[in-house]
Amino acid sequence: MLENIQFGFNFFIGLGGAAMMFIIITLLSLCFRVSISKALEGGLRMAIALTGMSAIISLLTSTFGPALDAFVKATGVGLIITDLGWAPLAVITWGSIYTLYFAVLEILTNLVMLGLKLTNTLNVDMFNVWNISILGLLVNYYAHNIFITSLFVVGIVMLMLLNADVIKPTVNQLLDYDADNITTTAHPSLLIMPLALLIDTIIGKLFPAIDKYDFDAQTLNDRIGFWGSKFAIGAYLGLFVGILGRQDVSKILALAFTAAVALELFAYIGGWFGPAIEPLSEGIKHIMTKRLHQRKLFVAIDWPILGARTSVIVGC
């Protein structure tokens, strides 16, 4: 029985993030009494948006990888460990029976917290359960105690959901969402935000003059036009990486043009997530207004919604 469940879980995971979110958003919309047509539309839009983001990330990785490798070799630093990215870790965790267990823990924790009104976030980003699973596997490896491991996983999930609640206003501000928008993200990587906020507060107290200046991409674009646009910032980034990697002129220009296109497309495709979540949003608002005294509920999806911000991609 357990093996069949694990097989079905692995099959579902193996569909990939876009296909998973298509199914999850569609089914979730139907649960909130959205019409079949609108539910399918929302699921399809979400899958297309995620596929678009993934395609751009793959383009950047394949284009910038050789230049960055060349830069590392040029420094003469003897690095013996290669970071292969998230994919190998995901494959490892998805092959473990514990991942199914951790996924169930995540779902139950989310439902219990919603029921007790400890969170207003419903996390539907099951594709990234591997992030929690790898942490759980590491804890279990050293603790040799599934109870302690379970408590750790539940604790991480709770922090993710609470963090998603807290950062929702910031997400609205960054992505120009209106107050009625329900889209957010509970990605584990965003647990660094409280620390980032603390550092920002300390810097603001010690160097208050810094807060008078805003260096984000939109400000640059407003002040200097095209030369502060996403196209231009991408080109600068490509030139910088190409020169550091000691590439020839043709490759440097290719990096500049590729980065310019990628940053502009990130912002453009990032706008697709809003319409994708809209049918589900309407269904949730209807149910919440009718049965739960207008309680506000957020829906957390994958982190690429933040890719619409140029500073996120440049920072990566």
C-alpha atoms as a PDB file:
ATOM      1  CA  MET A   1       0.000   0.000   0.000  1.00  0.00           C
ATOM      2  CA  LEU A   2       2.736   2.420   1.047  1.00  0.00           C
ATOM      3  CA  GLU A   3       4.750   1.581  -2.041  1.00  0.00           C
ATOM      4  CA  ASN A   4       1.769   2.410  -4.275  1.00  0.00           C
ATOM      5  CA  ILE A   5       1.315   5.745  -2.530  1.00  0.00           C
ATOM      6  CA  GLN A   6       5.019   6.483  -2.935  1.00  0.00           C
ATOM      7  CA  PHE A   7       4.835   5.546  -6.621  1.00  0.00           C
ATOM      8  CA  GLY A   8       1.878   7.860  -7.154  1.00  0.00           C
ATOM      9  CA  PHE A   9       3.615  10.653  -5.264  1.00  0.00           C
ATOM     10  CA  ASN A  10       6.807  10.264  -7.296  1.00  0.00           C
ATOM     11  CA  PHE A  11       4.766  10.223 -10.516  1.00  0.00           C
ATOM     12  CA  PHE A  12       3.050  13.446  -9.508  1.00  0.00           C
ATOM     13  CA  ILE A  13       6.364  15.095  -8.595  1.00  0.00           C
ATOM     14  CA  GLY A  14       7.866  13.813 -11.832  1.00  0.00           C
ATOM     15  CA  LEU A  15       5.356  15.816 -13.838  1.00  0.00           C
ATOM     16  CA  GLY A  16       7.377  18.911 -13.001  1.00  0.00           C
ATOM     17  CA  GLY A  17       6.500  22.161 -11.284  1.00  0.00           C
ATOM     18  CA  ALA A  18       4.386  23.633 -14.073  1.00  0.00           C
ATOM     19  CA  ALA A  19       2.215  20.541 -14.515  1.00  0.00           C
ATOM     20  CA  MET A  20       1.834  20.128 -10.758  1.00  0.00           C
ATOM     21  CA  MET A  21       0.679  23.706 -10.325  1.00  0.00           C
ATOM     22  CA  PHE A  22      -1.728  23.330 -13.263  1.00  0.00           C
ATOM     23  CA  ILE A  23      -3.382  20.412 -11.486  1.00  0.00           C
ATOM     24  CA  ILE A  24      -3.268  21.972  -8.004  1.00  0.00           C
ATOM     25  CA  ILE A  25      -4.617  25.394  -9.031  1.00  0.00           C
ATOM     26  CA  THR A  26      -7.348  23.805 -11.170  1.00  0.00           C
ATOM     27  CA  LEU A  27      -8.512  21.398  -8.464  1.00  0.00           C
ATOM     28  CA  LEU A  28      -8.259  24.008  -5.724  1.00  0.00           C
ATOM     29  CA  SER A  29     -10.323  26.428  -7.811  1.00  0.00           C
ATOM     30  CA  LEU A  30     -12.979  23.756  -8.314  1.00  0.00           C
ATOM     31  CA  CYS A  31     -13.034  23.156  -4.539  1.00  0.00           C
ATOM     32  CA  PHE A  32     -13.882  26.836  -4.104  1.00  0.00           C
ATOM     33  CA  ARG A  33     -16.722  26.469  -6.625  1.00  0.00           C
ATOM     34  CA  VAL A  34     -15.053  28.188  -9.546  1.00  0.00           C
ATOM     35  CA  SER A  35     -16.476  27.135 -12.902  1.00  0.00           C
ATOM     36  CA  ILE A  36     -14.613  24.411 -14.777  1.00  0.00           C
ATOM     37  CA  SER A  37     -13.737  26.821 -17.589  1.00  0.00           C
ATOM     38  CA  LYS A  38     -12.285  29.457 -15.242  1.00  0.00           C
ATOM     39  CA  ALA A  39     -10.532  26.835 -13.109  1.00  0.00           C
ATOM     40  CA  LEU A  40      -8.799  25.375 -16.164  1.00  0.00           C
ATOM     41  CA  GLU A  41      -7.936  28.859 -17.375  1.00  0.00           C
ATOM     42  CA  GLY A  42      -6.272  29.741 -14.071  1.00  0.00           C
ATOM     43  CA  GLY A  43      -4.364  26.457 -13.958  1.00  0.00           C
ATOM     44  CA  LEU A  44      -3.182  26.835 -17.544  1.00  0.00           C
ATOM     45  CA  ARG A  45      -2.097  30.432 -17.035  1.00  0.00           C
ATOM     46  CA  MET A  46      -0.130  29.411 -13.943  1.00  0.00           C
ATOM     47  CA  ALA A  47       1.610  26.565 -15.788  1.00  0.00           C
ATOM     48  CA  ILE A  48       2.499  28.883 -18.672  1.00  0.00           C
ATOM     49  CA  ALA A  49       3.879  31.543 -16.324  1.00  0.00           C
ATOM     50  CA  LEU A  50       6.045  29.032 -14.453  1.00  0.00           C
ATOM     51  CA  THR A  51       7.240  27.506 -17.722  1.00  0.00           C
ATOM     52  CA  GLY A  52       8.185  30.956 -18.993  1.00  0.00           C
ATOM     53  CA  MET A  53      10.152  31.738 -15.850  1.00  0.00           C
ATOM     54  CA  SER A  54      11.899  28.364 -15.968  1.00  0.00           C
ATOM     55  CA  ALA A  55      12.839  28.894 -19.623  1.00  0.00           C
ATOM     56  CA  ILE A  56      14.469  32.234 -18.833  1.00  0.00           C
ATOM     57  CA  ILE A  57      16.347  30.801 -15.851  1.00  0.00           C
ATOM     58  CA  SER A  58      17.619  27.942 -18.050  1.00  0.00           C
ATOM     59  CA  LEU A  59      18.693  30.462 -20.688  1.00  0.00           C
ATOM     60  CA  LEU A  60      20.629  32.497 -18.141  1.00  0.00           C
ATOM     61  CA  THR A  61      22.200  29.406 -16.572  1.00  0.00           C
ATOM     62  CA  SER A  62      23.374  27.944 -19.868  1.00  0.00           C
ATOM     63  CA  THR A  63      24.645  31.302 -21.149  1.00  0.00           C
ATOM     64  CA  PHE A  64      26.373  32.582 -18.009  1.00  0.00           C
ATOM     65  CA  GLY A  65      27.644  29.217 -16.735  1.00  0.00           C
ATOM     66  CA  PRO A  66      30.782  28.999 -18.933  1.00  0.00           C
ATOM     67  CA  ALA A  67      31.723  32.640 -18.270  1.00  0.00           C
ATOM     68  CA  LEU A  68      31.376  32.218 -14.517  1.00  0.00           C
ATOM     69  CA  ASP A  69      33.396  28.978 -14.616  1.00  0.00           C
ATOM     70  CA  ALA A  70      36.090  30.785 -16.576  1.00  0.00           C
ATOM     71  CA  PHE A  71      36.113  33.567 -13.981  1.00  0.00           C
ATOM     72  CA  VAL A  72      36.629  31.064 -11.151  1.00  0.00           C
ATOM     73  CA  LYS A  73      39.513  29.413 -13.028  1.00  0.00           C
ATOM     74  CA  ALA A  74      41.054  32.799 -13.794  1.00  0.00           C
ATOM     75  CA  THR A  75      41.193  33.659 -10.089  1.00  0.00           C
ATOM     76  CA  GLY A  76      43.479  30.677  -9.461  1.00  0.00           C
ATOM     77  CA  VAL A  77      41.481  29.678  -6.395  1.00  0.00           C
ATOM     78  CA  GLY A  78      41.606  25.925  -5.811  1.00  0.00           C
ATOM     79  CA  LEU A  79      37.910  25.136  -5.485  1.00  0.00           C
ATOM     80  CA  ILE A  80      37.250  21.403  -5.227  1.00  0.00           C
ATOM     81  CA  ILE A  81      33.476  21.385  -4.658  1.00  0.00           C
ATOM     82  CA  THR A  82      31.034  22.094  -7.473  1.00  0.00           C
ATOM     83  CA  ASP A  83      27.578  23.482  -6.768  1.00  0.00           C
ATOM     84  CA  LEU A  84      25.291  21.703  -9.235  1.00  0.00           C
ATOM     85  CA  GLY A  85      22.236  23.675  -8.197  1.00  0.00           C
ATOM     86  CA  TRP A  86      18.911  22.522  -6.815  1.00  0.00           C
ATOM     87  CA  ALA A  87      18.118  19.756  -9.311  1.00  0.00           C
ATOM     88  CA  PRO A  88      20.352  16.963  -7.878  1.00  0.00           C
ATOM     89  CA  LEU A  89      19.077  17.654  -4.350  1.00  0.00           C
ATOM     90  CA  ALA A  90      15.498  17.530  -5.592  1.00  0.00           C
ATOM     91  CA  VAL A  91      16.109  14.186  -7.298  1.00  0.00           C
ATOM     92  CA  ILE A  92      17.643  12.770  -4.121  1.00  0.00           C
ATOM     93  CA  THR A  93      14.812  13.910  -1.869  1.00  0.00           C
ATOM     94  CA  TRP A  94      12.032  12.856  -4.231  1.00  0.00           C
ATOM     95  CA  GLY A  95      13.479   9.353  -4.166  1.00  0.00           C
ATOM     96  CA  SER A  96      13.000   9.111  -0.403  1.00  0.00           C
ATOM     97  CA  ILE A  97       9.879   7.803   1.288  1.00  0.00           C
ATOM     98  CA  TYR A  98      10.402  10.492   3.916  1.00  0.00           C
ATOM     99  CA  THR A  99       9.501  13.163   1.364  1.00  0.00           C
ATOM    100  CA  LEU A 100       5.942  11.833   1.202  1.00  0.00           C
ATOM    101  CA  TYR A 101       5.797  11.862   4.996  1.00  0.00           C
ATOM    102  CA  PHE A 102       7.105  15.424   5.162  1.00  0.00           C
ATOM    103  CA  ALA A 103       4.598  16.496   2.494  1.00  0.00           C
ATOM    104  CA  VAL A 104       1.746  15.101   4.610  1.00  0.00           C
ATOM    105  CA  LEU A 105       3.149  16.908   7.665  1.00  0.00           C
ATOM    106  CA  GLU A 106       3.272  20.166   5.705  1.00  0.00           C
ATOM    107  CA  ILE A 107      -0.336  19.839   4.531  1.00  0.00           C
ATOM    108  CA  LEU A 108      -1.656  18.902   7.982  1.00  0.00           C
ATOM    109  CA  THR A 109       0.289  21.705   9.678  1.00  0.00           C
ATOM    110  CA  ASN A 110      -1.072  24.226   7.182  1.00  0.00           C
ATOM    111  CA  LEU A 111      -4.669  23.048   7.655  1.00  0.00           C
ATOM    112  CA  VAL A 112      -4.401  23.044  11.449  1.00  0.00           C
ATOM    113  CA  MET A 113      -2.914  26.551  11.485  1.00  0.00           C
ATOM    114  CA  LEU A 114      -5.661  27.790   9.182  1.00  0.00           C
ATOM    115  CA  GLY A 115      -8.297  26.192  11.398  1.00  0.00           C
ATOM    116  CA  LEU A 116      -6.812  27.771  14.543  1.00  0.00           C
ATOM    117  CA  LYS A 117      -6.408  31.107  12.700  1.00  0.00           C
ATOM    118  CA  LEU A 118      -2.667  31.072  13.309  1.00  0.00           C
ATOM    119  CA  THR A 119      -2.071  31.870   9.647  1.00  0.00           C
ATOM    120  CA  ASN A 120      -3.995  33.268   6.712  1.00  0.00           C
ATOM    121  CA  THR A 121      -1.805  31.542   4.117  1.00  0.00           C
ATOM    122  CA  LEU A 122      -2.703  28.404   2.189  1.00  0.00           C
ATOM    123  CA  ASN A 123       0.509  27.053   0.668  1.00  0.00           C
ATOM    124  CA  VAL A 124      -0.171  25.249  -2.616  1.00  0.00           C
ATOM    125  CA  ASP A 125       3.481  25.144  -3.686  1.00  0.00           C
ATOM    126  CA  MET A 126       3.897  21.394  -3.225  1.00  0.00           C
ATOM    127  CA  PHE A 127       6.611  21.279  -5.878  1.00  0.00           C
ATOM    128  CA  ASN A 128       9.075  22.753  -3.395  1.00  0.00           C
ATOM    129  CA  VAL A 129       8.373  20.235  -0.657  1.00  0.00           C
ATOM    130  CA  TRP A 130      11.869  18.943  -1.437  1.00  0.00           C
ATOM    131  CA  ASN A 131      13.318  22.038   0.287  1.00  0.00           C
ATOM    132  CA  ILE A 132      11.718  20.948   3.536  1.00  0.00           C
ATOM    133  CA  SER A 133      12.504  17.304   2.889  1.00  0.00           C
ATOM    134  CA  ILE A 134      16.249  17.836   2.471  1.00  0.00           C
ATOM    135  CA  LEU A 135      16.339  19.693   5.785  1.00  0.00           C
ATOM    136  CA  GLY A 136      14.342  16.934   7.428  1.00  0.00           C
ATOM    137  CA  LEU A 137      16.612  14.245   5.999  1.00  0.00           C
ATOM    138  CA  LEU A 138      19.708  16.027   7.299  1.00  0.00           C
ATOM    139  CA  VAL A 139      18.215  16.403  10.785  1.00  0.00           C
ATOM    140  CA  ASN A 140      17.130  12.775  10.848  1.00  0.00           C
ATOM    141  CA  TYR A 141      20.591  11.660   9.705  1.00  0.00           C
ATOM    142  CA  TYR A 142      22.194  13.272  12.749  1.00  0.00           C
ATOM    143  CA  ALA A 143      19.373  12.920  15.298  1.00  0.00           C
ATOM    144  CA  HIS A 144      18.345   9.335  14.420  1.00  0.00           C
ATOM    145  CA  ASN A 145      14.952  10.237  15.844  1.00  0.00           C
ATOM    146  CA  ILE A 146      11.880  10.622  13.642  1.00  0.00           C
ATOM    147  CA  PHE A 147       9.965  12.417  16.417  1.00  0.00           C
ATOM    148  CA  ILE A 148      12.574  15.165  16.695  1.00  0.00           C
ATOM    149  CA  THR A 149      12.765  15.335  12.912  1.00  0.00           C
ATOM    150  CA  SER A 150       8.980  15.695  12.677  1.00  0.00           C
ATOM    151  CA  LEU A 151       8.974  18.514  15.216  1.00  0.00           C
ATOM    152  CA  PHE A 152      11.722  20.252  13.243  1.00  0.00           C
ATOM    153  CA  VAL A 153       9.803  19.948   9.948  1.00  0.00           C
ATOM    154  CA  VAL A 154       6.572  21.199  11.540  1.00  0.00           C
ATOM    155  CA  GLY A 155       8.507  24.116  13.024  1.00  0.00           C
ATOM    156  CA  ILE A 156       9.964  25.064   9.625  1.00  0.00           C
ATOM    157  CA  VAL A 157       6.532  24.869   7.986  1.00  0.00           C
ATOM    158  CA  MET A 158       5.037  27.073  10.690  1.00  0.00           C
ATOM    159  CA  LEU A 159       7.795  29.651  10.212  1.00  0.00           C
ATOM    160  CA  MET A 160       7.238  29.593   6.436  1.00  0.00           C
ATOM    161  CA  LEU A 161       3.526  30.272   6.823  1.00  0.00           C
ATOM    162  CA  LEU A 162       3.944  32.967   9.458  1.00  0.00           C
ATOM    163  CA  ASN A 163       6.618  34.594   7.309  1.00  0.00           C
ATOM    164  CA  ALA A 164       4.282  34.500   4.293  1.00  0.00           C
ATOM    165  CA  ASP A 165       1.640  36.363   6.330  1.00  0.00           C
ATOM    166  CA  VAL A 166       4.100  39.023   7.449  1.00  0.00           C
ATOM    167  CA  ILE A 167       5.678  39.669   4.034  1.00  0.00           C
ATOM    168  CA  LYS A 168       2.382  39.889   2.146  1.00  0.00           C
ATOM    169  CA  PRO A 169       2.211  43.733   2.360  1.00  0.00           C
ATOM    170  CA  THR A 170       5.807  43.897   1.091  1.00  0.00           C
ATOM    171  CA  VAL A 171       4.950  41.571  -1.787  1.00  0.00           C
ATOM    172  CA  ASN A 172       2.015  43.831  -2.666  1.00  0.00           C
ATOM    173  CA  GLN A 173       4.271  46.871  -2.622  1.00  0.00           C
ATOM    174  CA  LEU A 174       7.066  45.302  -4.666  1.00  0.00           C
ATOM    175  CA  LEU A 175       4.777  43.856  -7.321  1.00  0.00           C
ATOM    176  CA  ASP A 176       2.172  46.645  -7.360  1.00  0.00           C
ATOM    177  CA  TYR A 177      -0.612  44.322  -6.204  1.00  0.00           C
ATOM    178  CA  ASP A 178      -3.806  45.887  -4.901  1.00  0.00           C
ATOM    179  CA  ALA A 179      -5.112  45.278  -1.392  1.00  0.00           C
ATOM    180  CA  ASP A 180      -7.500  42.545  -2.576  1.00  0.00           C
ATOM    181  CA  ASN A 181      -4.767  40.439  -4.192  1.00  0.00           C
ATOM    182  CA  ILE A 182      -4.268  37.061  -2.497  1.00  0.00           C
ATOM    183  CA  THR A 183      -1.017  35.970  -4.157  1.00  0.00           C
ATOM    184  CA  THR A 184       2.065  35.472  -1.998  1.00  0.00           C
ATOM    185  CA  THR A 185       4.874  32.967  -1.564  1.00  0.00           C
ATOM    186  CA  ALA A 186       5.980  30.822   1.364  1.00  0.00           C
ATOM    187  CA  HIS A 187       9.230  29.600  -0.177  1.00  0.00           C
ATOM    188  CA  PRO A 188      11.734  28.481   2.502  1.00  0.00           C
ATOM    189  CA  SER A 189      14.448  30.718   1.070  1.00  0.00           C
ATOM    190  CA  LEU A 190      12.421  33.752   2.175  1.00  0.00           C
ATOM    191  CA  LEU A 191      12.966  32.836   5.826  1.00  0.00           C
ATOM    192  CA  ILE A 192      16.063  34.994   5.477  1.00  0.00           C
ATOM    193  CA  MET A 193      13.819  38.067   5.297  1.00  0.00           C
ATOM    194  CA  PRO A 194      13.587  38.661   9.088  1.00  0.00           C
ATOM    195  CA  LEU A 195      17.398  38.715   9.235  1.00  0.00           C
ATOM    196  CA  ALA A 196      17.537  41.017   6.213  1.00  0.00           C
ATOM    197  CA  LEU A 197      14.998  43.318   7.887  1.00  0.00           C
ATOM    198  CA  LEU A 198      17.071  43.358  11.086  1.00  0.00           C
ATOM    199  CA  ILE A 199      20.232  44.268   9.158  1.00  0.00           C
ATOM    200  CA  ASP A 200      18.341  46.948   7.235  1.00  0.00           C
ATOM    201  CA  THR A 201      17.037  48.401  10.506  1.00  0.00           C
ATOM    202  CA  ILE A 202      20.526  48.462  12.034  1.00  0.00           C
ATOM    203  CA  ILE A 203      21.986  50.145   8.951  1.00  0.00           C
ATOM    204  CA  GLY A 204      19.146  52.652   8.982  1.00  0.00           C
ATOM    205  CA  LYS A 205      19.878  53.518  12.615  1.00  0.00           C
ATOM    206  CA  LEU A 206      23.655  53.768  12.165  1.00  0.00           C
ATOM    207  CA  PHE A 207      23.643  55.451   8.760  1.00  0.00           C
ATOM    208  CA  PRO A 208      20.288  57.267   8.436  1.00  0.00           C
ATOM    209  CA  ALA A 209      21.505  59.261   5.426  1.00  0.00           C
ATOM    210  CA  ILE A 210      21.513  56.074   3.323  1.00  0.00           C
ATOM    211  CA  ASP A 211      17.727  55.811   3.516  1.00  0.00           C
ATOM    212  CA  LYS A 212      17.443  59.099   1.626  1.00  0.00           C
ATOM    213  CA  TYR A 213      18.681  57.441  -1.542  1.00  0.00           C
ATOM    214  CA  ASP A 214      16.855  54.803  -3.572  1.00  0.00           C
ATOM    215  CA  PHE A 215      18.957  52.828  -6.030  1.00  0.00           C
ATOM    216  CA  ASP A 216      16.410  50.351  -7.383  1.00  0.00           C
ATOM    217  CA  ALA A 217      15.881  49.758 -11.089  1.00  0.00           C
ATOM    218  CA  GLN A 218      12.625  51.705 -11.312  1.00  0.00           C
ATOM    219  CA  THR A 219      14.204  54.803  -9.781  1.00  0.00           C
ATOM    220  CA  LEU A 220      17.104  54.616 -12.217  1.00  0.00           C
ATOM    221  CA  ASN A 221      14.692  54.210 -15.118  1.00  0.00           C
ATOM    222  CA  ASP A 222      12.659  57.217 -13.993  1.00  0.00           C
ATOM    223  CA  ARG A 223      15.743  59.400 -13.680  1.00  0.00           C
ATOM    224  CA  ILE A 224      17.852  58.469 -16.683  1.00  0.00           C
ATOM    225  CA  GLY A 225      15.382  56.814 -19.031  1.00  0.00           C
ATOM    226  CA  PHE A 226      16.483  53.872 -21.142  1.00  0.00           C
ATOM    227  CA  TRP A 227      19.947  53.706 -19.550  1.00  0.00           C
ATOM    228  CA  GLY A 228      18.321  52.802 -16.263  1.00  0.00           C
ATOM    229  CA  SER A 229      15.839  50.353 -17.776  1.00  0.00           C
ATOM    230  CA  LYS A 230      15.779  46.592 -17.353  1.00  0.00           C
ATOM    231  CA  PHE A 231      17.285  46.238 -20.835  1.00  0.00           C
ATOM    232  CA  ALA A 232      20.240  48.430 -19.897  1.00  0.00           C
ATOM    233  CA  ILE A 233      20.780  46.898 -16.435  1.00  0.00           C
ATOM    234  CA  GLY A 234      20.812  43.442 -18.017  1.00  0.00           C
ATOM    235  CA  ALA A 235      23.362  44.601 -20.563  1.00  0.00           C
ATOM    236  CA  TYR A 236      25.579  46.039 -17.823  1.00  0.00           C
ATOM    237  CA  LEU A 237      25.353  42.752 -15.929  1.00  0.00           C
ATOM    238  CA  GLY A 238      26.296  40.730 -19.010  1.00  0.00           C
ATOM    239  CA  LEU A 239      29.262  42.978 -19.795  1.00  0.00           C
ATOM    240  CA  PHE A 240      30.451  42.775 -16.188  1.00  0.00           C
ATOM    241  CA  VAL A 241      30.312  38.963 -16.046  1.00  0.00           C
ATOM    242  CA  GLY A 242      31.882  38.614 -19.496  1.00  0.00           C
ATOM    243  CA  ILE A 243      34.810  40.852 -18.630  1.00  0.00           C
ATOM    244  CA  LEU A 244      35.372  39.095 -15.298  1.00  0.00           C
ATOM    245  CA  GLY A 245      35.306  35.766 -17.122  1.00  0.00           C
ATOM    246  CA  ARG A 246      37.852  37.065 -19.664  1.00  0.00           C
ATOM    247  CA  GLN A 247      35.602  36.161 -22.571  1.00  0.00           C
ATOM    248  CA  ASP A 248      36.205  37.313 -26.123  1.00  0.00           C
ATOM    249  CA  VAL A 249      34.256  40.252 -27.527  1.00  0.00           C
ATOM    250  CA  SER A 250      31.591  38.152 -29.242  1.00  0.00           C
ATOM    251  CA  LYS A 251      30.804  36.212 -26.053  1.00  0.00           C
ATOM    252  CA  ILE A 252      30.756  39.365 -23.922  1.00  0.00           C
ATOM    253  CA  LEU A 253      28.237  40.950 -26.264  1.00  0.00           C
ATOM    254  CA  ALA A 254      26.170  37.747 -26.305  1.00  0.00           C
ATOM    255  CA  LEU A 255      26.081  37.778 -22.499  1.00  0.00           C
ATOM    256  CA  ALA A 256      25.012  41.421 -22.487  1.00  0.00           C
ATOM    257  CA  PHE A 257      22.212  40.895 -25.001  1.00  0.00           C
ATOM    258  CA  THR A 258      20.987  37.699 -23.320  1.00  0.00           C
ATOM    259  CA  ALA A 259      20.867  39.297 -19.873  1.00  0.00           C
ATOM    260  CA  ALA A 260      19.065  42.347 -21.296  1.00  0.00           C
ATOM    261  CA  VAL A 261      16.364  40.164 -22.834  1.00  0.00           C
ATOM    262  CA  ALA A 262      16.096  37.971 -19.730  1.00  0.00           C
ATOM    263  CA  LEU A 263      15.580  40.819 -17.267  1.00  0.00           C
ATOM    264  CA  GLU A 264      12.904  42.420 -19.417  1.00  0.00           C
ATOM    265  CA  LEU A 265      11.115  39.092 -19.910  1.00  0.00           C
ATOM    266  CA  PHE A 266      11.272  38.321 -16.187  1.00  0.00           C
ATOM    267  CA  ALA A 267       9.306  41.475 -15.476  1.00  0.00           C
ATOM    268  CA  TYR A 268       6.871  40.819 -18.333  1.00  0.00           C
ATOM    269  CA  ILE A 269       6.190  37.183 -17.465  1.00  0.00           C
ATOM    270  CA  GLY A 270       5.942  38.069 -13.781  1.00  0.00           C
ATOM    271  CA  GLY A 271       2.761  39.923 -14.697  1.00  0.00           C
ATOM    272  CA  TRP A 272       1.169  36.660 -15.825  1.00  0.00           C
ATOM    273  CA  PHE A 273       0.833  35.307 -12.282  1.00  0.00           C
ATOM    274  CA  GLY A 274      -1.864  37.812 -11.299  1.00  0.00           C
ATOM    275  CA  PRO A 275      -4.402  36.752 -13.966  1.00  0.00           C
ATOM    276  CA  ALA A 276      -3.512  33.102 -13.278  1.00  0.00           C
ATOM    277  CA  ILE A 277      -4.555  33.308  -9.650  1.00  0.00           C
ATOM    278  CA  GLU A 278      -7.582  35.550 -10.274  1.00  0.00           C
ATOM    279  CA  PRO A 279     -10.243  32.808 -10.740  1.00  0.00           C
ATOM    280  CA  LEU A 280      -9.112  31.114  -7.513  1.00  0.00           C
ATOM    281  CA  SER A 281      -9.031  34.498  -5.788  1.00  0.00           C
ATOM    282  CA  GLU A 282     -12.635  35.200  -6.716  1.00  0.00           C
ATOM    283  CA  GLY A 283     -13.717  31.768  -5.496  1.00  0.00           C
ATOM    284  CA  ILE A 284     -11.922  32.202  -2.183  1.00  0.00           C
ATOM    285  CA  LYS A 285     -13.339  35.678  -1.596  1.00  0.00           C
ATOM    286  CA  HIS A 286     -16.848  34.394  -2.282  1.00  0.00           C
ATOM    287  CA  ILE A 287     -16.519  31.523   0.203  1.00  0.00           C
ATOM    288  CA  MET A 288     -14.800  33.671   2.825  1.00  0.00           C
ATOM    289  CA  THR A 289     -17.451  36.370   2.588  1.00  0.00           C
ATOM    290  CA  LYS A 290     -20.315  33.891   2.760  1.00  0.00           C
ATOM    291  CA  ARG A 291     -19.100  31.462   5.412  1.00  0.00           C
ATOM    292  CA  LEU A 292     -16.091  32.827   7.255  1.00  0.00           C
ATOM    293  CA  HIS A 293     -17.104  36.408   7.978  1.00  0.00           C
ATOM    294  CA  GLN A 294     -14.938  37.919   5.246  1.00  0.00           C
ATOM    295  CA  ARG A 295     -11.709  36.414   6.591  1.00  0.00           C
ATOM    296  CA  LYS A 296      -8.780  37.188   4.291  1.00  0.00           C
ATOM    297  CA  LEU A 297      -6.964  34.155   2.885  1.00  0.00           C
ATOM    298  CA  PHE A 298      -3.691  34.253   0.948  1.00  0.00           C
ATOM    299  CA  VAL A 299      -2.534  31.623  -1.539  1.00  0.00           C
ATOM    300  CA  ALA A 300       1.208  30.945  -1.602  1.00  0.00           C
ATOM    301  CA  ILE A 301       2.796  29.840  -4.863  1.00  0.00           C
ATOM    302  CA  ASP A 302       6.399  29.452  -6.030  1.00  0.00           C
ATOM    303  CA  TRP A 303       8.987  32.231  -5.682  1.00  0.00           C
ATOM    304  CA  PRO A 304       9.130  33.247  -9.421  1.00  0.00           C
ATOM    305  CA  ILE A 305       6.394  35.821  -8.808  1.00  0.00           C
ATOM    306  CA  LEU A 306       9.234  37.913  -7.363  1.00  0.00           C
ATOM    307  CA  GLY A 307      11.149  37.596 -10.634  1.00  0.00           C
ATOM    308  CA  ALA A 308       9.248  40.611 -11.891  1.00  0.00           C
ATOM    309  CA  ARG A 309      11.606  42.687  -9.767  1.00  0.00           C
ATOM    310  CA  THR A 310      14.876  43.351 -11.592  1.00  0.00           C
ATOM    311  CA  SER A 311      16.807  43.635  -8.329  1.00  0.00           C
ATOM    312  CA  VAL A 312      15.958  40.016  -7.446  1.00  0.00           C
ATOM    313  CA  ILE A 313      17.545  38.657 -10.626  1.00  0.00           C
ATOM    314  CA  VAL A 314      20.565  40.964 -10.490  1.00  0.00           C
ATOM    315  CA  GLY A 315      21.106  39.982  -6.861  1.00  0.00           C
ATOM    316  CA  CYS A 316      21.143  36.319  -7.837  1.00  0.00           C
END
